[in-house]
Amino acid sequence: MDVTAFAPETYTGELVASTALTHDILQVTVQLDRPVRYVAGQYANLWVPKIDRRRSYSFAQPPLRDGRDRVNFFVRKVPGGLFTEALFDDALAGERFEIEAPQGQFHIRQGEGPMLCIAGGSGLAPLLSLLEDARKNRVNRPCTFLFGARTQADLYCVDEIKAIAAGWPNKFDFVPVLSEGHDDRDWDGARGMVTEHLPAAGGIDLTGAQGYMCGPPPMIDAGIHALVELGVPLAEIHYDKFTDESHGETA
């Protein structure tokens, strides 16, 4: 899908629900004044007049043909961030937002080779959108999906990911990886940095492979290095770096 298919427009939205996914990530639901059309993987710019802050968040749902007038975003709390502190304190309920969408170049590309996907933190949102849309459209390619979290308590939407895997028309390997959580004694899964588990890549032939990653900058940088080491061309590695005020932006 060409991401230029839908020109950005300005919408008015209202925060109608927020649901805790982890201790520091909320699913935020915004009711729009009219349906927005976008490509799976794209994001929206949100402006909240009450606190005069503009932030960017990826759509966490696959698109619908006629657009969505109720959209979900995953928002990670940034200590000291004016927007996220207000959001987590429930101070923005019923507030009107200005939303510019769709934005961004992150989307699935044409190809027949395997998809190597990595998400960390709230970077799960665009990959959930992309993978669920690909499943609905019967994209018949092997997929390895690595999801990095600190502890078991930081893993979320696992059932949704497993549902995508169950309906995927080809081989789909889901590998959650814990970077901390050494007290999680009942955890028998992968440990370490999520990108360290790329070389195994589910034991699949990497001819024509493409990489798709969303998460914090250090994870993306390590992922690019690991994918290139595996022989994936740089031009076939696609990503969104999720930044906050610790990276020079205001949350």
Protein backbone atom coordinates (compact mmCIF):
# COMPACT_ATOMS: atom_id res chain seq x y z
CA MET A 1 0.00 0.00 0.00
CA ASP A 2 1.29 3.45 -0.95
CA VAL A 3 1.38 5.62 2.19
CA THR A 4 0.54 8.65 0.03
CA ALA A 5 -2.86 7.08 -0.66
CA PHE A 6 -4.42 9.14 2.12
CA ALA A 7 -3.50 12.81 2.48
CA PRO A 8 -3.15 14.11 6.05
CA GLU A 9 -6.17 15.95 7.41
CA THR A 10 -6.97 17.69 10.69
CA TYR A 11 -9.50 16.00 12.97
CA THR A 12 -11.04 16.85 16.31
CA GLY A 13 -10.99 14.09 18.90
CA GLU A 14 -12.10 13.45 22.46
CA LEU A 15 -10.40 11.17 24.96
CA VAL A 16 -13.11 8.65 25.84
CA ALA A 17 -11.21 5.83 27.55
CA SER A 18 -7.83 4.83 28.93
CA THR A 19 -6.88 1.32 29.96
CA ALA A 20 -3.71 0.28 31.77
CA LEU A 21 -1.73 -2.28 29.78
CA THR A 22 1.29 -2.24 32.10
CA HIS A 23 2.36 -0.04 35.00
CA ASP A 24 3.65 2.58 32.54
CA ILE A 25 1.73 2.02 29.29
CA LEU A 26 -1.89 3.03 28.67
CA GLN A 27 -4.17 2.18 25.79
CA VAL A 28 -5.80 5.52 24.98
CA THR A 29 -9.04 5.62 22.98
CA VAL A 30 -9.97 8.76 21.09
CA GLN A 31 -13.33 9.41 19.45
CA LEU A 32 -12.88 11.41 16.24
CA ASP A 33 -15.31 13.81 14.59
CA ARG A 34 -15.16 11.67 11.42
CA PRO A 35 -13.39 8.50 10.25
CA VAL A 36 -9.66 8.64 9.52
CA ARG A 37 -8.13 6.49 6.82
CA TYR A 38 -4.53 5.36 7.14
CA VAL A 39 -2.09 2.63 6.20
CA ALA A 40 -1.16 0.05 8.84
CA GLY A 41 1.98 1.26 10.62
CA GLN A 42 1.28 5.00 10.30
CA TYR A 43 0.82 7.46 13.15
CA ALA A 44 -1.04 10.62 14.16
CA ASN A 45 0.11 13.93 15.61
CA LEU A 46 -1.96 14.85 18.68
CA TRP A 47 -2.19 18.37 20.08
CA VAL A 48 -3.81 19.01 23.44
CA PRO A 49 -4.65 22.72 23.83
CA LYS A 50 -5.05 22.40 27.63
CA ILE A 51 -1.34 21.74 28.08
CA ASP A 52 -0.12 22.99 24.68
CA ARG A 53 1.77 19.83 23.87
CA ARG A 54 2.00 18.06 20.52
CA ARG A 55 2.96 14.39 20.48
CA SER A 56 3.05 11.60 17.89
CA TYR A 57 1.50 8.17 18.46
CA SER A 58 1.04 5.20 16.15
CA PHE A 59 -2.36 3.68 15.47
CA ALA A 60 -2.62 0.41 17.40
CA GLN A 61 -5.38 -1.09 15.22
CA PRO A 62 -5.44 -2.25 11.61
CA PRO A 63 -7.18 0.19 9.28
CA LEU A 64 -10.71 -0.25 8.02
CA ARG A 65 -11.72 0.30 4.40
CA ASP A 66 -14.00 3.21 5.28
CA GLY A 67 -11.79 4.53 8.06
CA ARG A 68 -12.01 4.47 11.85
CA ASP A 69 -13.76 7.12 13.93
CA ARG A 70 -12.58 5.56 17.22
CA VAL A 71 -8.84 4.94 17.40
CA ASN A 72 -6.45 3.46 19.94
CA PHE A 73 -2.92 4.51 20.82
CA PHE A 74 -0.40 3.00 23.24
CA VAL A 75 1.18 5.71 25.41
CA ARG A 76 4.17 5.15 27.67
CA LYS A 77 4.54 7.32 30.76
CA VAL A 78 7.52 9.66 30.69
CA PRO A 79 8.45 10.88 34.19
CA GLY A 80 8.08 14.66 34.21
CA GLY A 81 6.42 14.74 30.78
CA LEU A 82 3.56 17.23 30.90
CA PHE A 83 1.33 15.29 28.51
CA THR A 84 1.85 11.79 29.88
CA GLU A 85 1.78 12.89 33.53
CA ALA A 86 -1.61 14.55 32.91
CA LEU A 87 -2.82 11.51 31.01
CA PHE A 88 -1.84 9.02 33.72
CA ASP A 89 -3.37 11.31 36.38
CA ASP A 90 -6.68 11.12 34.47
CA ALA A 91 -6.58 14.89 34.01
CA LEU A 92 -7.39 14.75 30.29
CA ALA A 93 -10.64 12.76 30.39
CA GLY A 94 -13.14 14.41 28.06
CA GLU A 95 -10.53 16.81 26.71
CA ARG A 96 -10.69 17.78 23.06
CA PHE A 97 -7.65 16.95 20.93
CA GLU A 98 -6.56 18.22 17.55
CA ILE A 99 -5.28 15.33 15.45
CA GLU A 100 -3.33 15.43 12.19
CA ALA A 101 -3.30 12.12 10.36
CA PRO A 102 -2.12 10.00 8.75
CA GLN A 103 1.62 10.54 9.08
CA GLY A 104 4.76 8.47 8.54
CA GLN A 105 6.46 6.09 6.14
CA PHE A 106 6.40 2.91 8.25
CA HIS A 107 4.38 0.24 6.45
CA ILE A 108 4.75 -3.22 4.98
CA ARG A 109 6.62 -3.39 1.67
CA GLN A 110 6.10 -5.72 -1.25
CA GLY A 111 8.08 -8.92 -1.02
CA GLU A 112 7.96 -12.68 -0.71
CA GLY A 113 10.80 -13.25 1.77
CA PRO A 114 10.48 -13.55 5.55
CA MET A 115 9.54 -10.66 7.83
CA LEU A 116 11.77 -10.10 10.87
CA CYS A 117 9.89 -7.88 13.33
CA ILE A 118 11.03 -6.38 16.62
CA ALA A 119 9.02 -4.29 19.09
CA GLY A 120 9.88 -2.76 22.43
CA GLY A 121 7.61 -0.93 24.89
CA SER A 122 4.86 1.12 23.27
CA GLY A 123 6.51 0.37 19.92
CA LEU A 124 4.21 -2.63 19.83
CA ALA A 125 1.35 -0.42 18.54
CA PRO A 126 2.36 -0.01 14.86
CA LEU A 127 3.52 -3.61 14.60
CA LEU A 128 0.19 -4.89 15.94
CA SER A 129 -1.54 -2.74 13.32
CA LEU A 130 0.79 -3.90 10.55
CA LEU A 131 0.72 -7.60 11.41
CA GLU A 132 -3.03 -7.81 12.01
CA ASP A 133 -3.62 -6.04 8.68
CA ALA A 134 -1.22 -8.43 6.95
CA ARG A 135 -3.02 -11.40 8.51
CA LYS A 136 -6.40 -10.08 7.35
CA ASN A 137 -5.00 -9.68 3.85
CA ARG A 138 -3.48 -13.18 3.88
CA VAL A 139 0.12 -12.05 3.43
CA ASN A 140 1.78 -15.43 2.90
CA ARG A 141 5.31 -14.88 4.23
CA PRO A 142 7.24 -16.42 7.12
CA CYS A 143 7.39 -14.07 10.10
CA THR A 144 9.51 -13.94 13.25
CA PHE A 145 8.27 -11.47 15.86
CA LEU A 146 10.51 -10.56 18.81
CA PHE A 147 8.91 -8.54 21.60
CA GLY A 148 11.28 -7.09 24.17
CA ALA A 149 10.20 -6.23 27.72
CA ARG A 150 11.91 -5.73 31.06
CA THR A 151 9.87 -8.26 33.07
CA GLN A 152 6.84 -10.50 32.59
CA ALA A 153 4.69 -7.68 33.99
CA ASP A 154 5.82 -5.51 31.06
CA LEU A 155 4.58 -7.97 28.44
CA TYR A 156 1.14 -7.04 27.13
CA CYS A 157 -1.26 -7.87 24.27
CA VAL A 158 0.26 -11.36 24.25
CA ASP A 159 -3.12 -12.96 23.52
CA GLU A 160 -3.61 -10.61 20.55
CA ILE A 161 -0.18 -11.56 19.18
CA LYS A 162 -0.91 -15.26 19.63
CA ALA A 163 -4.20 -14.80 17.76
CA ILE A 164 -2.33 -13.22 14.85
CA ALA A 165 0.13 -16.14 14.90
CA ALA A 166 -2.73 -18.67 14.92
CA GLY A 167 -4.32 -17.08 11.86
CA TRP A 168 -1.10 -16.39 9.95
CA PRO A 169 -1.06 -18.32 6.63
CA ASN A 170 2.65 -19.20 6.90
CA LYS A 171 5.20 -19.95 9.65
CA PHE A 172 4.96 -17.41 12.49
CA ASP A 173 7.37 -17.48 15.44
CA PHE A 174 6.57 -15.25 18.41
CA VAL A 175 9.50 -14.78 20.81
CA PRO A 176 8.99 -12.60 23.90
CA VAL A 177 12.31 -11.64 25.49
CA LEU A 178 12.94 -10.33 29.02
CA SER A 179 15.91 -8.03 29.59
CA GLU A 180 15.50 -7.98 33.37
CA GLY A 181 13.07 -9.86 35.61
CA HIS A 182 15.63 -12.23 37.09
CA ASP A 183 13.15 -12.78 39.93
CA ASP A 184 10.65 -14.21 37.40
CA ARG A 185 11.58 -17.76 38.36
CA ASP A 186 8.65 -19.24 36.45
CA TRP A 187 9.90 -17.69 33.19
CA ASP A 188 11.44 -20.28 30.89
CA GLY A 189 11.50 -18.09 27.80
CA ALA A 190 14.23 -16.00 26.18
CA ARG A 191 16.31 -13.54 28.19
CA GLY A 192 18.72 -10.76 27.34
CA MET A 193 18.52 -7.95 24.80
CA VAL A 194 15.79 -8.62 22.28
CA THR A 195 18.08 -8.03 19.30
CA GLU A 196 20.46 -10.75 20.53
CA HIS A 197 17.86 -13.32 19.54
CA LEU A 198 17.69 -12.28 15.89
CA PRO A 199 20.44 -14.62 14.61
CA ALA A 200 18.26 -17.68 15.30
CA ALA A 201 15.41 -16.08 13.31
CA GLY A 202 13.26 -19.16 13.66
CA GLY A 203 15.58 -21.28 11.51
CA ILE A 204 14.14 -19.86 8.30
CA ASP A 205 15.74 -19.08 4.96
CA LEU A 206 16.47 -15.33 5.01
CA THR A 207 16.52 -14.88 1.23
CA GLY A 208 14.58 -11.69 0.47
CA ALA A 209 14.11 -10.91 4.18
CA GLN A 210 12.84 -7.55 5.39
CA GLY A 211 13.12 -6.03 8.85
CA TYR A 212 10.38 -4.10 10.64
CA MET A 213 11.14 -2.49 14.01
CA CYS A 214 9.53 -0.04 16.41
CA GLY A 215 10.82 0.99 19.80
CA PRO A 216 13.46 3.09 21.59
CA PRO A 217 16.48 4.33 19.61
CA PRO A 218 19.08 2.01 21.23
CA MET A 219 16.96 -1.02 20.33
CA ILE A 220 16.55 0.19 16.75
CA ASP A 221 20.26 0.86 16.33
CA ALA A 222 21.15 -2.59 17.70
CA GLY A 223 18.48 -4.16 15.50
CA ILE A 224 19.83 -2.53 12.35
CA HIS A 225 23.32 -3.83 13.16
CA ALA A 226 22.02 -7.36 13.85
CA LEU A 227 19.91 -7.47 10.68
CA VAL A 228 22.77 -6.25 8.50
CA GLU A 229 24.99 -8.92 10.09
CA LEU A 230 22.40 -11.49 9.01
CA GLY A 231 22.64 -10.22 5.44
CA VAL A 232 19.47 -8.13 5.29
CA PRO A 233 20.13 -5.13 3.00
CA LEU A 234 19.91 -1.76 4.75
CA ALA A 235 17.28 -0.66 2.22
CA GLU A 236 15.06 -3.53 3.40
CA ILE A 237 15.16 -2.50 7.08
CA HIS A 238 12.20 -0.30 8.03
CA TYR A 239 11.67 1.26 11.44
CA ASP A 240 10.16 3.93 13.65
CA LYS A 241 12.24 5.24 16.54
CA PHE A 242 10.04 6.05 19.54
CA THR A 243 11.52 9.10 21.26
CA ASP A 244 10.53 11.21 24.28
CA GLU A 245 11.99 14.20 26.09
CA SER A 246 15.00 12.13 27.13
CA HIS A 247 15.87 12.14 23.42
CA GLY A 248 15.30 15.85 23.03
CA GLU A 249 11.51 15.86 22.64
CA THR A 250 8.72 16.75 25.02
CA ALA A 251 6.28 14.10 26.16
